[in-house]
Every structure is written in C-alpha cells, then in structure tokens.
Amino acid sequence: MFVAAFFARIPAMASPLVLTLYVVDGLDRSYAEAGVLAAASTIGIAIGAPWRGRLIDRLGMRRAIGPSIVAVLVLYPLATVVSYAWLIPIALLMGLFLIPIFSIVRLALTVMVGEDQRRTAFAADGVMAEASFIIGPAVGALIVTSAGGGPALIAIGVCEAIAGFLFLWLNPPTRSAARTERPAEHVDPGSWVSVPLVFLFVISAGTMATLIGTDLGIVAELRELDAVGSVWIAYGLWGLSSLIGGLLYGALDRSLRPTYLLLALGLTTIPVGLGTEVWSLSLWVIPTGFLCAPTMTAAGEWIAKLVPEERRGEAMGWQGTAFTLGGAASSPLIGAAIDGVGAWGGFVVGGSIATVIALGAWGGQLIPRWRPTPEQATIDGGRR
C-alpha cells in the first residue's frame, strides 16, 4: 500500500504545476488567471475531502472512489480542448473528485497497524508523501517542457485513473472486522466532533501556512538573488530534512503533542529569511523542514485516537479541508508581505501564523476538559 500510495500521489502533486504551466504557456494567459483555477480547485478539494471521506465510511473504499476514477478520465482530457472560461468549473470538479489517497491510506493504517505502531506507520506514510512531493512537480515540468501542457494534463488524468484502479485492486481495509458488522448509525451525526479535534484541524491549517510561507519565500528569495536555477538546492535540503524528521519521529516510543510541534515549526520558519545567499538560505530551511513531517504525522495520529472508527474517513477528510483552507487563507497574506517588504516577509508571516495558532491552541488546552491525553482515547476512538 505504501508503494501504491507513493506512485498515486506523484500525478496529484504534479497536477497544480502542470495546470499552471498549461494556462500560462499553452493558453498564453496570466499567472493571475492561473491562480483563479488554483482557487477553484482548492474550493473543490475543500468541499470534496470530507464528502468523499464520509462516503468511504458509509459505502466502503471501492464504491467511494469509483466516480473519481471516471471523473479524472473525463476531466483532464476535456481540459485540453476547452476555452479558459470552461477551465474554471473543470478545475472545481477536479478538486471535488480528487482521489482521496491521504484519507484512504491513513484509514487503512488505523486498521492494519496496532496503536502501538501507528505513529511509525503514519510517519512512514509522511516520508513517502514527501518523496512524492519532491518528484511530482519535477516530473510534471519535464513532461510539459518535452511534450507540452496538453499531453501532460492527459498523462496526469491517465496516471490518476491507474492509481485509482490500483487501489481498487488492493482494496485496503478501512474498517476493522469487528466494526463492519455494526450499522453505520452507531455514531450519531456530529457526536464525534470535540474541542480537541477542532484544535487539531486548526493546527493542520497552521501547518500549511508555514509550508506556504516557506515555499513562496524560497522562490522569492532566490529571485531576489537572481539564482532561481539553484532552487533544487533549497528544496532538496528542505525535503530531505523533512524525510529525516519523519523517520526519527516514527522511531519514537511516545506521542508528541501537535501543538508543541507546530510552535517549534512556526518559530523555526520566522528566521529563514536571514539566509541571504543560496547556501545560507538552504541551511536555514533545514530546521523547519525537519519539523514538517512530524507535525503533520502527529496531527493525523491524534485524530485517529479521538475519532470513532465509523467516522474517521470523514474526520480525515476534514483535516484535508483544513490543510487546503489554511493554505488558501494564508497565501494572500504571505504574498502581500513578500510584495511589501521582500522575501523575508513570507517566512515571517507564515511562521507567525503558525506560532499564534499554536499558542492559542496551547492556551485552550490548559482548560482541563479541552486537554486530551493518550489515556483518554482507545484504539477505536472511544473514551475509557
């Protein structure tokens, strides 16, 4: 399943870049117009993630992703023959029917792996996701430059469909054998939502703010240095440090609270702008990269602890929505900071958003009934 998820995420990671290059180069449109498509896709993902997670909870993995496979086979080739105006609703549908690899893998891991090894399993999945993130955009850019944006979009649609068929064949379990015999109505609607869970969603949004701040800040800083060609150095060390951080977190024998990890992530992101050369910038991103995978892994681990199995798919979907909305809400602020004061402003704003969220969550968790502990949740999310 890890290998399948690795290959399935590559086209998904490549899709935003390929769509942007297709609009800018293939249709001779502006980056602002490409941003409109990105916003439409973001809205689709925000709506579709919890919806598809709920379908997995109710109908099972195969019946839930079947429509997604059909949709990607239609939407991506269709995008190459329509005008820009039609691309906006198509991008919305692309996000809406995105195959929920993240939710499927995390749900399956909660069933296939015991709670004592779940942290390691989640961390391993985070490492595989980081590897897909490093490879996906590079492969997408290579296809665009060698074959063009249209063929690249078609290739992404075909690859995403193949990934969907692969998961249909693997059919990883998303419900334990003991739970499959229970009716879906065992958990009342909304009863699985708690204040600690909402904190985890907000923490997930804050994590994405730091990633966006670092991502945009690196590109802006290298443009100021007239060294965009060296972007692979900074991104490579950023991704490699995240891989190492995820592996080390997975090897720990205890959980770390996502609030503390987010606070450390925010505080290490703020000073990255002090790097005024390619190599100094690349070295400054190592500490923040080291904390990326552990923060995302810890949030998913605690969601699995706090949510009953019958609603974990929906909860994982809402976490995906939190990631998406966190990136969408912070991007304009980070972009404005970069435009106003320079590249360092992106790091400061992204890191500050995460720091404020972490401090707010930490303050809220000082209230005893809002403070979860590992002893409060069993493997199936029920209270002891």
Protein backbone atom coordinates (compact mmCIF):
# COMPACT_ATOMS: atom_id res chain seq x y z
CA MET A 1 0.00 0.00 0.00
CA PHE A 2 2.89 2.39 0.73
CA VAL A 3 4.33 1.77 -2.73
CA ALA A 4 0.93 2.25 -4.36
CA ALA A 5 0.37 5.48 -2.41
CA PHE A 6 3.81 6.77 -3.42
CA PHE A 7 3.07 6.38 -7.14
CA ALA A 8 -0.55 7.53 -6.78
CA ARG A 9 0.49 10.82 -5.19
CA ILE A 10 3.01 11.74 -7.91
CA PRO A 11 0.40 12.80 -10.53
CA ALA A 12 -1.64 14.56 -7.84
CA MET A 13 1.45 16.54 -6.77
CA ALA A 14 2.27 17.37 -10.40
CA SER A 15 -1.24 18.49 -11.34
CA PRO A 16 -1.20 22.10 -9.95
CA LEU A 17 2.11 22.94 -11.61
CA VAL A 18 1.12 21.37 -14.93
CA LEU A 19 -2.23 23.17 -14.97
CA THR A 20 -0.50 26.48 -14.22
CA LEU A 21 2.06 26.00 -17.00
CA TYR A 22 -0.69 24.96 -19.41
CA VAL A 23 -2.64 28.16 -18.71
CA VAL A 24 0.40 30.46 -18.86
CA ASP A 25 2.26 28.89 -21.77
CA GLY A 26 -0.36 26.87 -23.65
CA LEU A 27 -3.20 29.38 -23.47
CA ASP A 28 -0.97 32.47 -23.18
CA ARG A 29 -2.80 33.67 -20.07
CA SER A 30 -1.50 35.40 -16.95
CA TYR A 31 -0.40 33.92 -13.66
CA ALA A 32 -3.37 35.67 -12.04
CA GLU A 33 -5.73 33.72 -14.30
CA ALA A 34 -3.86 30.54 -13.44
CA GLY A 35 -4.39 31.48 -9.79
CA VAL A 36 -8.14 31.60 -10.38
CA LEU A 37 -8.02 27.97 -11.48
CA ALA A 38 -5.95 27.10 -8.43
CA ALA A 39 -8.57 28.76 -6.24
CA ALA A 40 -11.37 26.85 -7.97
CA SER A 41 -9.53 23.57 -7.46
CA THR A 42 -8.91 24.48 -3.82
CA ILE A 43 -12.62 25.08 -3.25
CA GLY A 44 -13.39 21.72 -4.86
CA ILE A 45 -10.89 19.94 -2.62
CA ALA A 46 -12.22 21.69 0.49
CA ILE A 47 -15.75 20.53 -0.32
CA GLY A 48 -14.85 17.11 -1.65
CA ALA A 49 -12.43 15.85 1.01
CA PRO A 50 -14.93 15.42 3.89
CA TRP A 51 -17.66 14.35 1.47
CA ARG A 52 -15.57 11.56 -0.01
CA GLY A 53 -14.32 10.59 3.44
CA ARG A 54 -17.91 10.23 4.59
CA LEU A 55 -18.65 8.06 1.54
CA ILE A 56 -15.75 5.79 2.47
CA ASP A 57 -17.19 5.46 5.98
CA ARG A 58 -20.66 4.63 4.65
CA LEU A 59 -20.06 2.74 1.39
CA GLY A 60 -16.52 1.44 1.60
CA MET A 61 -13.42 2.41 -0.35
CA ARG A 62 -14.27 0.83 -3.71
CA ARG A 63 -17.73 2.37 -4.11
CA ALA A 64 -16.47 5.75 -2.89
CA ILE A 65 -13.60 6.18 -5.38
CA GLY A 66 -15.31 4.68 -8.43
CA PRO A 67 -16.81 8.05 -9.51
CA SER A 68 -13.40 9.70 -9.04
CA ILE A 69 -11.77 7.31 -11.50
CA VAL A 70 -14.40 8.07 -14.13
CA ALA A 71 -14.15 11.81 -13.43
CA VAL A 72 -10.37 12.09 -13.87
CA LEU A 73 -10.52 10.12 -17.12
CA VAL A 74 -13.01 12.67 -18.45
CA LEU A 75 -11.94 15.97 -16.88
CA TYR A 76 -8.20 16.03 -17.67
CA PRO A 77 -8.51 15.29 -21.40
CA LEU A 78 -11.50 17.66 -21.57
CA ALA A 79 -9.37 20.45 -20.08
CA THR A 80 -7.09 20.36 -23.13
CA VAL A 81 -9.83 21.19 -25.66
CA VAL A 82 -11.96 23.84 -23.92
CA SER A 83 -11.50 27.58 -23.52
CA TYR A 84 -10.19 29.23 -20.38
CA ALA A 85 -13.70 30.08 -19.15
CA TRP A 86 -14.66 26.42 -19.13
CA LEU A 87 -11.46 25.51 -17.31
CA ILE A 88 -12.73 27.18 -14.13
CA PRO A 89 -15.64 24.76 -13.49
CA ILE A 90 -13.46 21.87 -14.70
CA ALA A 91 -10.79 22.79 -12.13
CA LEU A 92 -13.52 22.89 -9.46
CA LEU A 93 -14.62 19.37 -10.42
CA MET A 94 -11.01 18.17 -10.49
CA GLY A 95 -10.70 19.16 -6.86
CA LEU A 96 -14.12 17.79 -5.95
CA PHE A 97 -13.40 14.34 -7.40
CA LEU A 98 -9.73 14.14 -6.41
CA ILE A 99 -8.99 10.55 -5.38
CA PRO A 100 -8.58 10.78 -1.57
CA ILE A 101 -5.29 8.89 -1.28
CA PHE A 102 -4.43 10.58 2.02
CA SER A 103 -7.67 9.55 3.71
CA ILE A 104 -7.60 6.01 2.31
CA VAL A 105 -4.04 5.33 3.45
CA ARG A 106 -4.48 6.80 6.93
CA LEU A 107 -7.78 4.95 7.44
CA ALA A 108 -6.23 1.68 6.30
CA LEU A 109 -3.25 2.15 8.60
CA THR A 110 -5.51 2.62 11.63
CA VAL A 111 -7.00 -0.81 10.82
CA MET A 112 -3.90 -2.69 9.60
CA VAL A 113 -1.48 -1.45 12.29
CA GLY A 114 -1.80 -1.69 16.05
CA GLU A 115 -1.97 1.54 18.03
CA ASP A 116 1.49 0.92 19.49
CA GLN A 117 2.99 1.09 15.96
CA ARG A 118 0.61 3.59 14.39
CA ARG A 119 3.00 6.52 14.90
CA THR A 120 5.70 4.69 12.95
CA ALA A 121 3.25 3.78 10.19
CA PHE A 122 1.94 7.35 9.89
CA ALA A 123 5.50 8.68 9.83
CA ALA A 124 6.43 6.22 7.09
CA ASP A 125 3.44 7.41 5.06
CA GLY A 126 4.54 11.00 5.66
CA VAL A 127 8.00 10.15 4.35
CA MET A 128 6.52 8.57 1.22
CA ALA A 129 4.34 11.64 0.72
CA GLU A 130 7.38 13.91 0.98
CA ALA A 131 9.16 11.82 -1.65
CA SER A 132 6.14 12.16 -3.95
CA PHE A 133 6.12 15.92 -3.33
CA ILE A 134 9.77 16.15 -4.38
CA ILE A 135 9.33 14.01 -7.52
CA GLY A 136 5.84 15.02 -8.73
CA PRO A 137 6.39 18.67 -9.75
CA ALA A 138 9.74 17.80 -11.35
CA VAL A 139 8.17 15.05 -13.46
CA GLY A 140 5.27 17.32 -14.41
CA ALA A 141 7.61 20.11 -15.51
CA LEU A 142 9.67 17.62 -17.53
CA ILE A 143 6.60 16.37 -19.41
CA VAL A 144 5.40 19.92 -20.09
CA THR A 145 8.77 21.03 -21.48
CA SER A 146 9.21 17.91 -23.60
CA ALA A 147 5.66 17.22 -24.83
CA GLY A 148 3.55 20.29 -23.97
CA GLY A 149 0.89 21.17 -21.43
CA GLY A 150 -1.99 19.35 -23.15
CA PRO A 151 -0.29 15.93 -23.28
CA ALA A 152 0.92 16.47 -19.72
CA LEU A 153 -2.66 17.00 -18.48
CA ILE A 154 -3.83 13.88 -20.31
CA ALA A 155 -0.94 11.89 -18.82
CA ILE A 156 -1.88 13.07 -15.32
CA GLY A 157 -5.51 12.04 -15.81
CA VAL A 158 -4.50 8.58 -17.04
CA CYS A 159 -1.99 8.13 -14.20
CA GLU A 160 -4.54 9.18 -11.57
CA ALA A 161 -7.05 6.70 -13.02
CA ILE A 162 -4.41 3.94 -12.95
CA ALA A 163 -3.74 4.83 -9.32
CA GLY A 164 -7.46 4.53 -8.58
CA PHE A 165 -7.65 1.12 -10.26
CA LEU A 166 -4.58 0.03 -8.30
CA PHE A 167 -6.33 0.86 -5.04
CA LEU A 168 -9.47 -0.90 -6.24
CA TRP A 169 -7.33 -3.99 -6.77
CA LEU A 170 -5.50 -3.70 -3.45
CA ASN A 171 -8.74 -2.86 -1.61
CA PRO A 172 -7.02 -1.95 1.70
CA PRO A 173 -9.37 -2.30 4.70
CA THR A 174 -10.84 0.91 6.05
CA ARG A 175 -12.99 -0.77 8.73
CA SER A 176 -11.91 -3.42 11.20
CA ALA A 177 -13.63 -6.78 11.10
CA ALA A 178 -15.30 -6.12 14.45
CA ARG A 179 -16.78 -2.85 13.19
CA THR A 180 -18.03 -3.94 9.76
CA GLU A 181 -20.94 -5.77 11.36
CA ARG A 182 -22.16 -2.64 13.15
CA PRO A 183 -24.65 -0.35 11.46
CA ALA A 184 -23.37 2.98 10.16
CA GLU A 185 -25.77 4.77 12.51
CA HIS A 186 -23.83 3.55 15.57
CA VAL A 187 -22.32 7.04 15.92
CA ASP A 188 -24.77 9.92 15.91
CA PRO A 189 -24.09 12.70 13.37
CA GLY A 190 -21.82 15.30 14.88
CA SER A 191 -21.23 13.37 18.11
CA TRP A 192 -17.64 12.62 17.09
CA VAL A 193 -16.73 16.33 16.93
CA SER A 194 -14.95 17.65 20.02
CA VAL A 195 -13.00 20.74 21.01
CA PRO A 196 -9.64 18.87 20.96
CA LEU A 197 -10.48 17.66 17.44
CA VAL A 198 -11.24 21.20 16.29
CA PHE A 199 -7.87 22.25 17.72
CA LEU A 200 -6.24 19.56 15.55
CA PHE A 201 -7.97 20.90 12.44
CA VAL A 202 -6.78 24.43 13.24
CA ILE A 203 -3.26 23.12 13.89
CA SER A 204 -3.36 21.41 10.48
CA ALA A 205 -4.29 24.73 8.87
CA GLY A 206 -1.42 26.43 10.69
CA THR A 207 1.00 23.78 9.45
CA MET A 208 0.02 24.54 5.87
CA ALA A 209 0.59 28.27 6.47
CA THR A 210 4.22 27.58 7.34
CA LEU A 211 4.64 25.36 4.27
CA ILE A 212 3.18 28.05 2.01
CA GLY A 213 5.33 30.73 3.64
CA THR A 214 8.47 28.65 3.18
CA ASP A 215 7.55 27.62 -0.36
CA LEU A 216 6.82 31.14 -1.61
CA GLY A 217 9.61 32.66 0.45
CA ILE A 218 12.25 30.37 -1.05
CA VAL A 219 11.21 31.20 -4.60
CA ALA A 220 11.03 34.94 -3.86
CA GLU A 221 14.43 34.95 -2.11
CA LEU A 222 16.10 33.14 -4.98
CA ARG A 223 14.54 35.53 -7.47
CA GLU A 224 15.96 38.45 -5.48
CA LEU A 225 19.34 36.73 -5.61
CA ASP A 226 18.91 36.03 -9.34
CA ALA A 227 19.54 32.36 -8.58
CA VAL A 228 16.24 30.65 -9.41
CA GLY A 229 18.23 27.92 -11.14
CA SER A 230 19.51 26.86 -7.72
CA VAL A 231 16.02 26.21 -6.38
CA TRP A 232 16.74 22.48 -6.30
CA ILE A 233 19.34 23.01 -3.56
CA ALA A 234 16.95 24.72 -1.16
CA TYR A 235 14.00 22.47 -1.99
CA GLY A 236 16.18 19.38 -1.86
CA LEU A 237 17.52 20.13 1.63
CA TRP A 238 14.04 21.18 2.79
CA GLY A 239 12.51 17.91 1.59
CA LEU A 240 15.42 15.77 2.79
CA SER A 241 15.29 17.25 6.28
CA SER A 242 11.54 16.58 6.39
CA LEU A 243 12.18 12.96 5.39
CA ILE A 244 14.72 12.58 8.19
CA GLY A 245 12.41 14.26 10.70
CA GLY A 246 9.57 11.93 9.76
CA LEU A 247 11.77 8.85 10.12
CA LEU A 248 13.05 9.94 13.54
CA TYR A 249 9.55 10.80 14.75
CA GLY A 250 8.34 7.39 13.64
CA ALA A 251 11.07 5.77 15.71
CA LEU A 252 9.96 7.47 18.95
CA ASP A 253 8.19 5.39 21.58
CA ARG A 254 5.76 8.13 22.63
CA SER A 255 3.49 10.74 21.08
CA LEU A 256 4.46 14.39 20.87
CA ARG A 257 1.67 16.90 21.14
CA PRO A 258 0.97 18.53 17.74
CA THR A 259 0.62 21.90 19.49
CA TYR A 260 4.25 21.85 20.60
CA LEU A 261 5.48 20.66 17.21
CA LEU A 262 3.56 23.43 15.44
CA LEU A 263 5.00 26.02 17.82
CA ALA A 264 8.52 24.81 17.07
CA LEU A 265 7.73 24.74 13.33
CA GLY A 266 6.49 28.33 13.39
CA LEU A 267 9.42 29.62 15.42
CA THR A 268 11.97 27.97 13.11
CA THR A 269 10.23 29.34 9.99
CA ILE A 270 10.35 33.00 11.04
CA PRO A 271 14.15 33.45 10.80
CA VAL A 272 14.64 31.60 7.47
CA GLY A 273 14.75 34.98 5.68
CA LEU A 274 18.10 35.66 7.35
CA GLY A 275 19.65 33.48 4.65
CA THR A 276 20.97 35.99 2.12
CA GLU A 277 22.86 33.53 -0.09
CA VAL A 278 21.80 30.32 -1.76
CA TRP A 279 23.63 28.07 0.66
CA SER A 280 22.75 30.02 3.80
CA LEU A 281 19.08 30.03 2.78
CA SER A 282 19.27 26.30 2.14
CA LEU A 283 20.76 25.72 5.58
CA TRP A 284 18.14 27.89 7.31
CA VAL A 285 15.30 25.76 5.87
CA ILE A 286 16.70 22.56 7.41
CA PRO A 287 15.27 23.07 10.95
CA THR A 288 11.81 23.97 9.68
CA GLY A 289 11.89 21.10 7.21
CA PHE A 290 12.91 18.74 10.00
CA LEU A 291 9.62 19.53 11.79
CA CYS A 292 7.23 19.40 8.79
CA ALA A 293 6.56 15.66 8.57
CA PRO A 294 6.42 15.13 12.37
CA THR A 295 3.83 17.91 12.79
CA MET A 296 1.56 16.53 10.06
CA THR A 297 2.04 12.96 11.31
CA ALA A 298 1.25 13.87 14.92
CA ALA A 299 -1.99 15.60 13.94
CA GLY A 300 -3.16 12.55 11.98
CA GLU A 301 -2.15 10.25 14.83
CA TRP A 302 -4.22 12.20 17.36
CA ILE A 303 -7.24 12.38 15.05
CA ALA A 304 -7.15 8.58 14.86
CA LYS A 305 -7.11 8.47 18.67
CA LEU A 306 -10.03 10.85 19.20
CA VAL A 307 -12.48 9.83 16.45
CA PRO A 308 -14.51 6.60 16.39
CA GLU A 309 -13.67 4.29 13.53
CA GLU A 310 -17.11 4.79 11.90
CA ARG A 311 -16.30 8.47 11.27
CA ARG A 312 -12.54 8.51 10.75
CA GLY A 313 -12.87 8.84 6.98
CA GLU A 314 -14.93 11.99 7.37
CA ALA A 315 -12.54 13.31 10.03
CA MET A 316 -9.51 12.69 7.80
CA GLY A 317 -11.40 14.46 5.01
CA TRP A 318 -11.99 17.49 7.23
CA GLN A 319 -8.30 17.50 8.07
CA GLY A 320 -7.60 17.64 4.32
CA THR A 321 -10.01 20.56 4.10
CA ALA A 322 -8.17 22.25 6.98
CA PHE A 323 -4.88 21.87 5.11
CA THR A 324 -6.46 23.31 1.98
CA LEU A 325 -8.17 26.24 3.70
CA GLY A 326 -5.05 27.01 5.72
CA GLY A 327 -3.06 27.34 2.52
CA ALA A 328 -5.78 29.31 0.73
CA ALA A 329 -6.30 31.75 3.62
CA SER A 330 -2.61 32.37 4.29
CA SER A 331 -1.41 32.67 0.69
CA PRO A 332 -2.73 36.22 0.08
CA LEU A 333 -1.23 37.47 3.37
CA ILE A 334 2.10 35.84 2.63
CA GLY A 335 2.09 37.13 -0.94
CA ALA A 336 1.28 40.66 0.23
CA ALA A 337 4.13 40.52 2.74
CA ILE A 338 6.57 39.44 0.05
CA ASP A 339 5.38 42.22 -2.26
CA GLY A 340 5.58 44.78 0.53
CA VAL A 341 8.85 44.07 2.32
CA GLY A 342 10.62 41.34 0.36
CA ALA A 343 11.09 37.60 0.53
CA TRP A 344 11.80 37.56 4.27
CA GLY A 345 8.26 38.78 4.90
CA GLY A 346 6.87 35.48 3.60
CA PHE A 347 8.81 33.49 6.18
CA VAL A 348 7.85 35.87 8.99
CA VAL A 349 4.14 35.88 8.17
CA GLY A 350 3.90 32.12 7.58
CA GLY A 351 5.83 31.33 10.75
CA SER A 352 3.92 33.92 12.78
CA ILE A 353 0.54 32.49 11.75
CA ALA A 354 1.63 29.05 12.91
CA THR A 355 3.08 30.43 16.15
CA VAL A 356 -0.12 32.33 17.01
CA ILE A 357 -2.28 29.28 16.27
CA ALA A 358 -0.03 27.04 18.36
CA LEU A 359 -0.08 29.46 21.31
CA GLY A 360 -3.87 29.78 21.04
CA ALA A 361 -4.33 26.01 20.96
CA TRP A 362 -1.91 25.59 23.86
CA GLY A 363 -3.84 28.16 25.89
CA GLY A 364 -7.13 26.45 25.10
CA GLN A 365 -5.76 23.06 26.07
CA LEU A 366 -4.88 24.40 29.52
CA ILE A 367 -8.60 24.05 30.24
CA PRO A 368 -8.78 20.51 31.67
CA ARG A 369 -11.79 19.28 29.73
CA TRP A 370 -10.28 20.52 26.45
CA ARG A 371 -6.91 18.87 27.03
CA PRO A 372 -6.68 15.37 25.50
CA THR A 373 -4.21 12.83 26.81
CA PRO A 374 -3.14 9.50 25.31
CA GLU A 375 -5.04 7.74 28.12
CA GLN A 376 -8.32 9.38 27.08
CA ALA A 377 -8.60 7.51 23.80
CA THR A 378 -8.56 3.85 22.93
CA ILE A 379 -7.55 2.39 19.59
CA ASP A 380 -11.12 2.75 18.27
CA GLY A 381 -11.51 6.35 19.43
CA GLY A 382 -13.79 5.53 22.33
CA ARG A 383 -13.43 7.07 25.78
CA ARG A 384 -12.16 4.92 28.62
